[in-house]
Amino acid sequence: MRSIFLGLQHIQLQMDLVHRDLKPSNIVIQNLKDLQTVKIVDFGLAVSIKARGELMSTCGTLIYQAPEQIFTNARQSKSIDMFSCGFILYEMLTKGKHPILKKGEDKQTYKQKIKEFKGLKIDDSVDIPPLAKNLIEQLCNLKPANRYKVEQALQHPWITGNSEDEIPLTDVHKFQQASVNF
């Protein structure tokens, strides 16, 4: 996941792109013995926000889209890629189980679930380490402004491997904390 975030950091910060279709099949490993060779592929839907202005179109693979991608009247940002990363991480840790979609459900059922989505809260019955749960929940927040940016995800203790590291706050949470302390 760290390699995916590093690739996304390059895409978002150096290239100023939003991928808009992150999903497991768009993540490849060049050398299975070296996880540093993880690559993000298929940039057919990628766009530059600076060049394009606001993004409001629906595109990408439905079951990895952020809520604001599905409902086209919502403004989109780089945070849509972070939402997809949360779903990808969940699937990696649960042997391919999707966090929302259940077997046999159709697109309309899934869209209804996303319409009612309040943010991903992983219950204790799901066997995922607590720090990984926290990271996934930070990535899959309903509100884009409350989602982790790629820099915060890279600083998360589950990614750094150091449980002594503090869990990073989102920019909104930093602002709220500063307001309380003011």
C-alpha atoms as a PDB file:
ATOM      1  CA  MET A   1       0.000   0.000   0.000  1.00  0.00           C
ATOM      2  CA  ARG A   2       2.932   2.289   0.717  1.00  0.00           C
ATOM      3  CA  SER A   3       4.124   1.837  -2.876  1.00  0.00           C
ATOM      4  CA  ILE A   4       0.636   2.659  -4.174  1.00  0.00           C
ATOM      5  CA  PHE A   5       0.585   5.835  -2.079  1.00  0.00           C
ATOM      6  CA  LEU A   6       4.064   6.806  -3.318  1.00  0.00           C
ATOM      7  CA  GLY A   7       2.917   6.342  -6.911  1.00  0.00           C
ATOM      8  CA  LEU A   8      -0.212   8.341  -6.217  1.00  0.00           C
ATOM      9  CA  GLN A   9       1.877  11.078  -4.590  1.00  0.00           C
ATOM     10  CA  HIS A  10       3.900  11.371  -7.790  1.00  0.00           C
ATOM     11  CA  ILE A  11       0.766  11.364  -9.938  1.00  0.00           C
ATOM     12  CA  GLN A  12      -1.052  13.945  -7.827  1.00  0.00           C
ATOM     13  CA  LEU A  13       1.745  16.293  -6.800  1.00  0.00           C
ATOM     14  CA  GLN A  14       4.335  16.162  -9.576  1.00  0.00           C
ATOM     15  CA  MET A  15       2.015  15.481 -12.512  1.00  0.00           C
ATOM     16  CA  ASP A  16      -1.103  17.231 -11.123  1.00  0.00           C
ATOM     17  CA  LEU A  17      -3.352  14.348 -12.184  1.00  0.00           C
ATOM     18  CA  VAL A  18      -6.384  12.648 -10.735  1.00  0.00           C
ATOM     19  CA  HIS A  19      -6.444   9.013 -11.869  1.00  0.00           C
ATOM     20  CA  ARG A  20     -10.237   8.582 -11.463  1.00  0.00           C
ATOM     21  CA  ASP A  21     -10.206   4.803 -11.952  1.00  0.00           C
ATOM     22  CA  LEU A  22      -8.037   3.290  -9.236  1.00  0.00           C
ATOM     23  CA  LYS A  23      -8.938  -0.352  -8.664  1.00  0.00           C
ATOM     24  CA  PRO A  24      -7.013  -3.566  -8.036  1.00  0.00           C
ATOM     25  CA  SER A  25      -6.719  -4.394 -11.745  1.00  0.00           C
ATOM     26  CA  ASN A  26      -5.013  -1.016 -12.306  1.00  0.00           C
ATOM     27  CA  ILE A  27      -2.309  -1.858  -9.783  1.00  0.00           C
ATOM     28  CA  VAL A  28       0.411  -4.160 -11.103  1.00  0.00           C
ATOM     29  CA  ILE A  29       3.585  -5.588  -9.612  1.00  0.00           C
ATOM     30  CA  GLN A  30       6.504  -5.758 -11.996  1.00  0.00           C
ATOM     31  CA  ASN A  31       8.525  -8.144  -9.803  1.00  0.00           C
ATOM     32  CA  LEU A  32       6.657 -10.251  -7.214  1.00  0.00           C
ATOM     33  CA  LYS A  33       9.828 -10.463  -5.108  1.00  0.00           C
ATOM     34  CA  ASP A  34      10.112  -6.664  -4.890  1.00  0.00           C
ATOM     35  CA  LEU A  35       7.053  -4.711  -3.747  1.00  0.00           C
ATOM     36  CA  GLN A  36       8.880  -1.508  -4.661  1.00  0.00           C
ATOM     37  CA  THR A  37       7.969  -2.349  -8.266  1.00  0.00           C
ATOM     38  CA  VAL A  38       4.249  -1.689  -7.761  1.00  0.00           C
ATOM     39  CA  LYS A  39       2.901   0.408 -10.619  1.00  0.00           C
ATOM     40  CA  ILE A  40      -0.343   2.281 -11.183  1.00  0.00           C
ATOM     41  CA  VAL A  41      -1.567   1.780 -14.761  1.00  0.00           C
ATOM     42  CA  ASP A  42      -4.384   2.779 -17.127  1.00  0.00           C
ATOM     43  CA  PHE A  43      -4.464   6.552 -17.210  1.00  0.00           C
ATOM     44  CA  GLY A  44      -7.228   6.681 -19.812  1.00  0.00           C
ATOM     45  CA  LEU A  45      -9.553   8.603 -17.462  1.00  0.00           C
ATOM     46  CA  ALA A  46      -6.871  10.656 -15.708  1.00  0.00           C
ATOM     47  CA  VAL A  47      -7.160  14.438 -15.889  1.00  0.00           C
ATOM     48  CA  SER A  48      -5.439  17.524 -14.578  1.00  0.00           C
ATOM     49  CA  ILE A  49      -7.653  19.577 -12.305  1.00  0.00           C
ATOM     50  CA  LYS A  50      -5.671  22.741 -13.078  1.00  0.00           C
ATOM     51  CA  ALA A  51      -6.087  22.274 -16.822  1.00  0.00           C
ATOM     52  CA  ARG A  52      -9.699  21.153 -16.602  1.00  0.00           C
ATOM     53  CA  GLY A  53     -11.062  23.211 -13.707  1.00  0.00           C
ATOM     54  CA  GLU A  54     -13.743  21.501 -11.658  1.00  0.00           C
ATOM     55  CA  LEU A  55     -14.379  17.803 -12.161  1.00  0.00           C
ATOM     56  CA  MET A  56     -17.990  16.765 -12.037  1.00  0.00           C
ATOM     57  CA  SER A  57     -18.319  13.889 -14.501  1.00  0.00           C
ATOM     58  CA  THR A  58     -19.089  10.287 -13.645  1.00  0.00           C
ATOM     59  CA  CYS A  59     -16.391   7.896 -14.798  1.00  0.00           C
ATOM     60  CA  GLY A  60     -14.404   4.955 -13.580  1.00  0.00           C
ATOM     61  CA  THR A  61     -15.386   1.606 -12.131  1.00  0.00           C
ATOM     62  CA  LEU A  62     -18.550   2.008 -10.071  1.00  0.00           C
ATOM     63  CA  ILE A  63     -17.567  -0.140  -7.093  1.00  0.00           C
ATOM     64  CA  TYR A  64     -14.381   1.870  -6.480  1.00  0.00           C
ATOM     65  CA  GLN A  65     -15.829   5.342  -7.023  1.00  0.00           C
ATOM     66  CA  ALA A  66     -16.167   7.885  -4.266  1.00  0.00           C
ATOM     67  CA  PRO A  67     -19.757   8.995  -3.595  1.00  0.00           C
ATOM     68  CA  GLU A  68     -19.148  12.350  -5.290  1.00  0.00           C
ATOM     69  CA  GLN A  69     -18.146  10.531  -8.500  1.00  0.00           C
ATOM     70  CA  ILE A  70     -21.386   8.590  -8.638  1.00  0.00           C
ATOM     71  CA  PHE A  71     -23.623  11.586  -8.101  1.00  0.00           C
ATOM     72  CA  THR A  72     -22.475  13.901 -10.889  1.00  0.00           C
ATOM     73  CA  ASN A  73     -23.628  17.190  -9.400  1.00  0.00           C
ATOM     74  CA  ALA A  74     -20.929  16.981  -6.739  1.00  0.00           C
ATOM     75  CA  ARG A  75     -17.530  18.650  -7.104  1.00  0.00           C
ATOM     76  CA  GLN A  76     -14.609  16.211  -7.280  1.00  0.00           C
ATOM     77  CA  SER A  77     -10.967  16.503  -6.260  1.00  0.00           C
ATOM     78  CA  LYS A  78      -7.872  14.350  -5.809  1.00  0.00           C
ATOM     79  CA  SER A  79      -9.612  12.862  -2.779  1.00  0.00           C
ATOM     80  CA  ILE A  80     -11.566  10.517  -5.063  1.00  0.00           C
ATOM     81  CA  ASP A  81      -8.352   8.552  -5.618  1.00  0.00           C
ATOM     82  CA  MET A  82      -7.840   8.333  -1.855  1.00  0.00           C
ATOM     83  CA  PHE A  83     -11.337   6.909  -1.390  1.00  0.00           C
ATOM     84  CA  SER A  84     -10.553   4.216  -3.956  1.00  0.00           C
ATOM     85  CA  CYS A  85      -7.352   3.392  -2.068  1.00  0.00           C
ATOM     86  CA  GLY A  86      -9.406   2.751   1.062  1.00  0.00           C
ATOM     87  CA  PHE A  87     -11.546   0.204  -0.771  1.00  0.00           C
ATOM     88  CA  ILE A  88      -8.447  -1.389  -2.344  1.00  0.00           C
ATOM     89  CA  LEU A  89      -6.755  -1.704   1.067  1.00  0.00           C
ATOM     90  CA  TYR A  90      -9.907  -3.201   2.595  1.00  0.00           C
ATOM     91  CA  GLU A  91     -10.017  -5.815  -0.176  1.00  0.00           C
ATOM     92  CA  MET A  92      -6.320  -6.601   0.220  1.00  0.00           C
ATOM     93  CA  LEU A  93      -6.809  -7.278   3.934  1.00  0.00           C
ATOM     94  CA  THR A  94     -10.024  -9.296   3.583  1.00  0.00           C
ATOM     95  CA  LYS A  95      -8.979 -11.580   0.734  1.00  0.00           C
ATOM     96  CA  GLY A  96     -10.981  -9.788  -1.930  1.00  0.00           C
ATOM     97  CA  LYS A  97     -14.163  -8.881  -0.035  1.00  0.00           C
ATOM     98  CA  HIS A  98     -15.581  -5.514  -1.037  1.00  0.00           C
ATOM     99  CA  PRO A  99     -16.455  -3.237   1.915  1.00  0.00           C
ATOM    100  CA  ILE A 100     -19.983  -2.484   0.645  1.00  0.00           C
ATOM    101  CA  LEU A 101     -20.910  -4.721  -2.299  1.00  0.00           C
ATOM    102  CA  LYS A 102     -22.196  -8.166  -1.389  1.00  0.00           C
ATOM    103  CA  LYS A 103     -22.335 -11.155  -3.746  1.00  0.00           C
ATOM    104  CA  GLY A 104     -25.391 -11.144  -5.969  1.00  0.00           C
ATOM    105  CA  GLU A 105     -26.126  -7.425  -5.618  1.00  0.00           C
ATOM    106  CA  ASP A 106     -26.680  -5.358  -8.749  1.00  0.00           C
ATOM    107  CA  LYS A 107     -25.568  -1.840  -9.700  1.00  0.00           C
ATOM    108  CA  GLN A 108     -28.810  -0.216  -8.542  1.00  0.00           C
ATOM    109  CA  THR A 109     -28.531  -1.786  -5.089  1.00  0.00           C
ATOM    110  CA  TYR A 110     -24.933  -0.638  -4.878  1.00  0.00           C
ATOM    111  CA  LYS A 111     -25.817   2.927  -5.929  1.00  0.00           C
ATOM    112  CA  GLN A 112     -28.531   3.007  -3.268  1.00  0.00           C
ATOM    113  CA  LYS A 113     -26.019   1.870  -0.647  1.00  0.00           C
ATOM    114  CA  ILE A 114     -23.629   4.634  -1.711  1.00  0.00           C
ATOM    115  CA  LYS A 115     -26.465   7.174  -1.645  1.00  0.00           C
ATOM    116  CA  GLU A 116     -27.032   6.205   2.003  1.00  0.00           C
ATOM    117  CA  PHE A 117     -23.277   5.959   2.741  1.00  0.00           C
ATOM    118  CA  LYS A 118     -22.177   7.812   5.882  1.00  0.00           C
ATOM    119  CA  GLY A 119     -18.520   6.831   5.746  1.00  0.00           C
ATOM    120  CA  LEU A 120     -16.935   3.439   6.182  1.00  0.00           C
ATOM    121  CA  LYS A 121     -16.983   2.148   9.751  1.00  0.00           C
ATOM    122  CA  ILE A 122     -15.440  -1.298  10.037  1.00  0.00           C
ATOM    123  CA  ASP A 123     -16.967  -3.395  12.799  1.00  0.00           C
ATOM    124  CA  ASP A 124     -14.987  -5.671  15.071  1.00  0.00           C
ATOM    125  CA  SER A 125     -16.154  -8.824  13.274  1.00  0.00           C
ATOM    126  CA  VAL A 126     -13.872  -7.937  10.342  1.00  0.00           C
ATOM    127  CA  ASP A 127     -10.370  -9.279  10.973  1.00  0.00           C
ATOM    128  CA  ILE A 128      -8.299  -6.199  10.182  1.00  0.00           C
ATOM    129  CA  PRO A 129      -5.650  -4.758  12.532  1.00  0.00           C
ATOM    130  CA  PRO A 130      -6.886  -1.646  14.414  1.00  0.00           C
ATOM    131  CA  LEU A 131      -4.358   0.725  12.789  1.00  0.00           C
ATOM    132  CA  ALA A 132      -5.298  -0.539   9.318  1.00  0.00           C
ATOM    133  CA  LYS A 133      -8.993  -0.036  10.172  1.00  0.00           C
ATOM    134  CA  ASN A 134      -8.238   3.527  11.185  1.00  0.00           C
ATOM    135  CA  LEU A 135      -6.390   4.188   7.931  1.00  0.00           C
ATOM    136  CA  ILE A 136      -9.197   2.724   5.811  1.00  0.00           C
ATOM    137  CA  GLU A 137     -11.809   4.760   7.669  1.00  0.00           C
ATOM    138  CA  GLN A 138      -9.755   7.949   7.175  1.00  0.00           C
ATOM    139  CA  LEU A 139      -9.528   7.223   3.448  1.00  0.00           C
ATOM    140  CA  CYS A 140     -13.235   6.402   3.093  1.00  0.00           C
ATOM    141  CA  ASN A 141     -14.752   9.366   4.876  1.00  0.00           C
ATOM    142  CA  LEU A 142     -17.968  10.560   3.245  1.00  0.00           C
ATOM    143  CA  LYS A 143     -16.791  14.161   3.106  1.00  0.00           C
ATOM    144  CA  PRO A 144     -13.858  14.672   0.720  1.00  0.00           C
ATOM    145  CA  ALA A 145     -12.405  17.430   2.929  1.00  0.00           C
ATOM    146  CA  ASN A 146     -12.247  14.963   5.831  1.00  0.00           C
ATOM    147  CA  ARG A 147     -10.388  12.293   3.852  1.00  0.00           C
ATOM    148  CA  TYR A 148      -6.688  11.786   4.076  1.00  0.00           C
ATOM    149  CA  LYS A 149      -4.516  13.342   1.440  1.00  0.00           C
ATOM    150  CA  VAL A 150      -1.720  11.147   0.131  1.00  0.00           C
ATOM    151  CA  GLU A 151       0.845  12.833   2.409  1.00  0.00           C
ATOM    152  CA  GLN A 152      -1.199  12.009   5.509  1.00  0.00           C
ATOM    153  CA  ALA A 153      -1.699   8.413   4.385  1.00  0.00           C
ATOM    154  CA  LEU A 154       2.070   8.034   3.984  1.00  0.00           C
ATOM    155  CA  GLN A 155       2.566   9.294   7.571  1.00  0.00           C
ATOM    156  CA  HIS A 156       0.008   6.916   9.076  1.00  0.00           C
ATOM    157  CA  PRO A 157       1.602   4.462  11.559  1.00  0.00           C
ATOM    158  CA  TRP A 158       0.194   1.446   9.698  1.00  0.00           C
ATOM    159  CA  ILE A 159       2.096   2.578   6.593  1.00  0.00           C
ATOM    160  CA  THR A 160       5.277   3.672   8.385  1.00  0.00           C
ATOM    161  CA  GLY A 161       5.311   0.448  10.400  1.00  0.00           C
ATOM    162  CA  ASN A 162       5.886   2.393  13.609  1.00  0.00           C
ATOM    163  CA  SER A 163       2.944   2.129  15.999  1.00  0.00           C
ATOM    164  CA  GLU A 164       4.578   4.858  18.110  1.00  0.00           C
ATOM    165  CA  ASP A 165       3.916   7.434  15.358  1.00  0.00           C
ATOM    166  CA  GLU A 166       0.933   9.673  15.903  1.00  0.00           C
ATOM    167  CA  ILE A 167      -2.083   9.124  13.684  1.00  0.00           C
ATOM    168  CA  PRO A 168      -2.126  12.154  11.364  1.00  0.00           C
ATOM    169  CA  LEU A 169      -5.082  14.509  11.453  1.00  0.00           C
ATOM    170  CA  THR A 170      -6.847  15.558   8.275  1.00  0.00           C
ATOM    171  CA  ASP A 171      -6.600  19.251   7.401  1.00  0.00           C
ATOM    172  CA  VAL A 172     -10.181  19.807   8.624  1.00  0.00           C
ATOM    173  CA  HIS A 173      -9.433  18.114  11.933  1.00  0.00           C
ATOM    174  CA  LYS A 174      -6.262  20.215  12.349  1.00  0.00           C
ATOM    175  CA  PHE A 175      -8.308  23.354  11.771  1.00  0.00           C
ATOM    176  CA  GLN A 176     -10.993  22.217  14.240  1.00  0.00           C
ATOM    177  CA  GLN A 177      -8.347  21.399  16.844  1.00  0.00           C
ATOM    178  CA  ALA A 178      -6.676  24.794  16.325  1.00  0.00           C
ATOM    179  CA  SER A 179     -10.062  26.544  16.694  1.00  0.00           C
ATOM    180  CA  VAL A 180     -10.734  24.744  19.975  1.00  0.00           C
ATOM    181  CA  ASN A 181      -7.288  25.644  21.289  1.00  0.00           C
ATOM    182  CA  PHE A 182      -7.683  29.273  20.228  1.00  0.00           C
END
